[in-house]
């Protein structure tokens, strides 16, 4: 089989950073990328990682990744997985790589008895939305993501 999936290893930090930058370019958000290769090395492979990554390769060539972390649902009383980013390089799209990455995480949810598998998608990204519908995802229209960062985070922390 030409597709292989594996957990990221410490020497993948540069590749993961490259994937994130490529995804940010696609989403027209490159100006928001502050993360460095060293950040990924520290967060993914430090003594107590709280974020994880799977790497997809097609015939040995790096093709994509899925970066995720565990969440907790008070309503379900169980952990879940939040998919922070999934990305497949354009040259490798249409080969089932994204579906395989997501299937791997869904299997992890079932194997670990987790309650849900969630992610966000930009509202203009119709190809991704179509793909997510094809795997059975449903939008949570009544929920909107909220974010505090930068100076606002500092002000909030001050009380």
Protein backbone atom coordinates (compact mmCIF):
# COMPACT_ATOMS: atom_id res chain seq x y z
CA UNK A 1 0.00 0.00 0.00
CA UNK A 2 1.45 3.40 -0.92
CA UNK A 3 -0.01 5.15 2.18
CA UNK A 4 1.58 4.89 5.59
CA UNK A 5 0.42 6.57 8.80
CA UNK A 6 2.57 6.86 11.89
CA UNK A 7 2.92 8.87 15.07
CA UNK A 8 5.19 11.87 14.68
CA UNK A 9 8.74 11.51 16.00
CA UNK A 10 11.06 14.21 17.38
CA UNK A 11 12.87 14.58 14.06
CA UNK A 12 9.52 15.52 12.45
CA UNK A 13 9.35 18.96 14.13
CA UNK A 14 10.58 20.78 11.01
CA UNK A 15 8.16 18.85 8.80
CA UNK A 16 5.24 19.63 11.11
CA UNK A 17 6.19 23.30 11.08
CA UNK A 18 6.32 23.21 7.27
CA UNK A 19 2.87 21.58 7.12
CA UNK A 20 1.45 24.25 9.45
CA UNK A 21 2.92 27.03 7.30
CA UNK A 22 1.52 25.45 4.12
CA UNK A 23 -1.90 25.15 5.75
CA UNK A 24 -1.71 28.77 6.90
CA UNK A 25 -0.85 29.85 3.35
CA UNK A 26 -3.91 27.98 2.05
CA UNK A 27 -6.14 29.54 4.71
CA UNK A 28 -4.65 33.00 4.03
CA UNK A 29 -3.53 33.15 7.66
CA UNK A 30 0.25 32.92 7.33
CA UNK A 31 0.59 36.30 9.04
CA UNK A 32 -0.80 34.66 12.21
CA UNK A 33 1.79 31.87 12.42
CA UNK A 34 4.10 32.52 15.35
CA UNK A 35 4.99 28.88 16.05
CA UNK A 36 8.50 27.70 15.32
CA UNK A 37 10.06 24.31 14.76
CA UNK A 38 11.38 24.53 18.33
CA UNK A 39 7.83 25.11 19.62
CA UNK A 40 6.61 21.92 17.96
CA UNK A 41 9.61 19.98 19.24
CA UNK A 42 8.95 21.17 22.80
CA UNK A 43 5.17 20.73 22.82
CA UNK A 44 4.95 17.41 20.96
CA UNK A 45 8.03 15.67 22.29
CA UNK A 46 8.75 17.21 25.69
CA UNK A 47 8.51 15.32 28.97
CA UNK A 48 4.69 15.62 29.27
CA UNK A 49 3.22 16.24 25.81
CA UNK A 50 -0.38 17.42 25.69
CA UNK A 51 -0.61 17.61 21.92
CA UNK A 52 -0.03 14.80 19.45
CA UNK A 53 0.49 14.36 15.73
CA UNK A 54 0.15 11.68 13.10
CA UNK A 55 2.12 11.88 9.85
CA UNK A 56 0.92 10.54 6.51
CA UNK A 57 3.38 9.52 3.80
CA UNK A 58 2.59 8.46 0.25
CA UNK A 59 5.20 6.11 -1.19
CA UNK A 60 7.58 7.45 1.43
CA UNK A 61 7.02 11.14 0.63
CA UNK A 62 5.58 13.35 3.42
CA UNK A 63 1.99 13.96 2.36
CA UNK A 64 0.09 15.34 5.35
CA UNK A 65 -0.54 15.45 9.06
CA UNK A 66 -3.19 15.55 11.76
CA UNK A 67 -2.42 17.42 14.99
CA UNK A 68 -4.76 16.80 17.93
CA UNK A 69 -5.21 16.94 21.67
CA UNK A 70 -7.56 15.54 24.29
CA UNK A 71 -10.55 17.47 25.59
CA UNK A 72 -13.13 16.72 28.27
CA UNK A 73 -16.92 16.90 28.06
CA UNK A 74 -18.64 17.60 31.34
CA UNK A 75 -21.95 16.56 29.78
CA UNK A 76 -20.61 13.19 28.65
CA UNK A 77 -18.23 12.74 31.55
CA UNK A 78 -15.54 11.54 29.16
CA UNK A 79 -12.59 12.80 27.23
CA UNK A 80 -12.64 13.41 23.50
CA UNK A 81 -10.25 14.38 20.75
CA UNK A 82 -10.05 17.83 19.23
CA UNK A 83 -8.42 17.91 15.80
CA UNK A 84 -6.53 21.18 15.76
CA UNK A 85 -5.27 20.85 12.19
CA UNK A 86 -5.41 18.38 9.36
CA UNK A 87 -3.60 19.05 6.11
CA UNK A 88 -2.73 17.13 2.96
CA UNK A 89 -0.35 18.64 0.45
CA UNK A 90 -2.09 19.50 -2.85
CA UNK A 91 -0.07 16.97 -4.88
CA UNK A 92 -1.42 14.16 -2.68
CA UNK A 93 -5.07 15.14 -2.42
CA UNK A 94 -7.81 12.87 -3.71
CA UNK A 95 -6.03 9.70 -2.55
CA UNK A 96 -7.94 9.17 0.70
CA UNK A 97 -5.17 10.49 2.93
CA UNK A 98 -7.31 12.91 4.95
CA UNK A 99 -9.97 10.23 5.38
CA UNK A 100 -7.30 7.78 6.59
CA UNK A 101 -5.92 10.30 9.10
CA UNK A 102 -9.41 11.00 10.42
CA UNK A 103 -10.30 7.31 10.51
CA UNK A 104 -7.18 6.68 12.58
CA UNK A 105 -8.31 9.30 15.12
CA UNK A 106 -11.87 7.96 15.14
CA UNK A 107 -10.44 4.50 15.86
CA UNK A 108 -8.40 6.00 18.71
CA UNK A 109 -11.62 7.48 20.13
CA UNK A 110 -13.34 4.10 20.05
CA UNK A 111 -10.34 2.18 21.37
CA UNK A 112 -9.92 4.59 24.29
CA UNK A 113 -13.63 4.92 25.07
CA UNK A 114 -13.69 8.62 24.24
CA UNK A 115 -16.96 10.48 23.88
CA UNK A 116 -16.45 12.62 20.81
CA UNK A 117 -14.21 13.76 17.96
CA UNK A 118 -14.45 17.45 17.05
CA UNK A 119 -12.78 20.15 14.96
CA UNK A 120 -13.39 23.55 13.39
CA UNK A 121 -13.54 24.50 9.75
CA UNK A 122 -13.43 27.93 8.14
CA UNK A 123 -16.88 28.80 6.82
CA UNK A 124 -15.54 29.60 3.32
CA UNK A 125 -13.66 26.30 2.91
CA UNK A 126 -16.30 24.47 0.87
CA UNK A 127 -14.06 21.57 -0.21
CA UNK A 128 -13.27 20.79 3.44
CA UNK A 129 -16.90 21.20 4.49
CA UNK A 130 -18.00 18.76 1.77
CA UNK A 131 -15.35 16.30 2.88
CA UNK A 132 -16.39 16.58 6.53
CA UNK A 133 -20.03 15.97 5.62
CA UNK A 134 -18.95 12.88 3.66
CA UNK A 135 -17.41 11.38 6.81
CA UNK A 136 -20.58 12.02 8.81
CA UNK A 137 -19.71 15.28 10.57
CA UNK A 138 -22.54 17.63 11.47
CA UNK A 139 -22.17 21.37 12.08
CA UNK A 140 -22.85 22.76 15.54
CA UNK A 141 -24.65 25.85 14.32
CA UNK A 142 -25.78 26.97 17.76
CA UNK A 143 -22.18 27.20 19.00
CA UNK A 144 -19.62 29.85 18.12
CA UNK A 145 -15.99 29.65 19.07
CA UNK A 146 -14.72 32.36 21.38
CA UNK A 147 -11.08 33.36 21.78
CA UNK A 148 -9.01 35.55 24.08
CA UNK A 149 -5.36 36.12 23.15
CA UNK A 150 -2.63 38.74 23.12
CA UNK A 151 -3.33 41.90 25.11
CA UNK A 152 -6.88 40.82 25.91
CA UNK A 153 -5.53 37.63 27.49
CA UNK A 154 -3.18 39.70 29.61
CA UNK A 155 -6.00 41.99 30.75
CA UNK A 156 -8.23 39.06 31.61
CA UNK A 157 -5.43 37.42 33.59
CA UNK A 158 -5.08 40.61 35.64
CA UNK A 159 -8.67 40.17 36.83
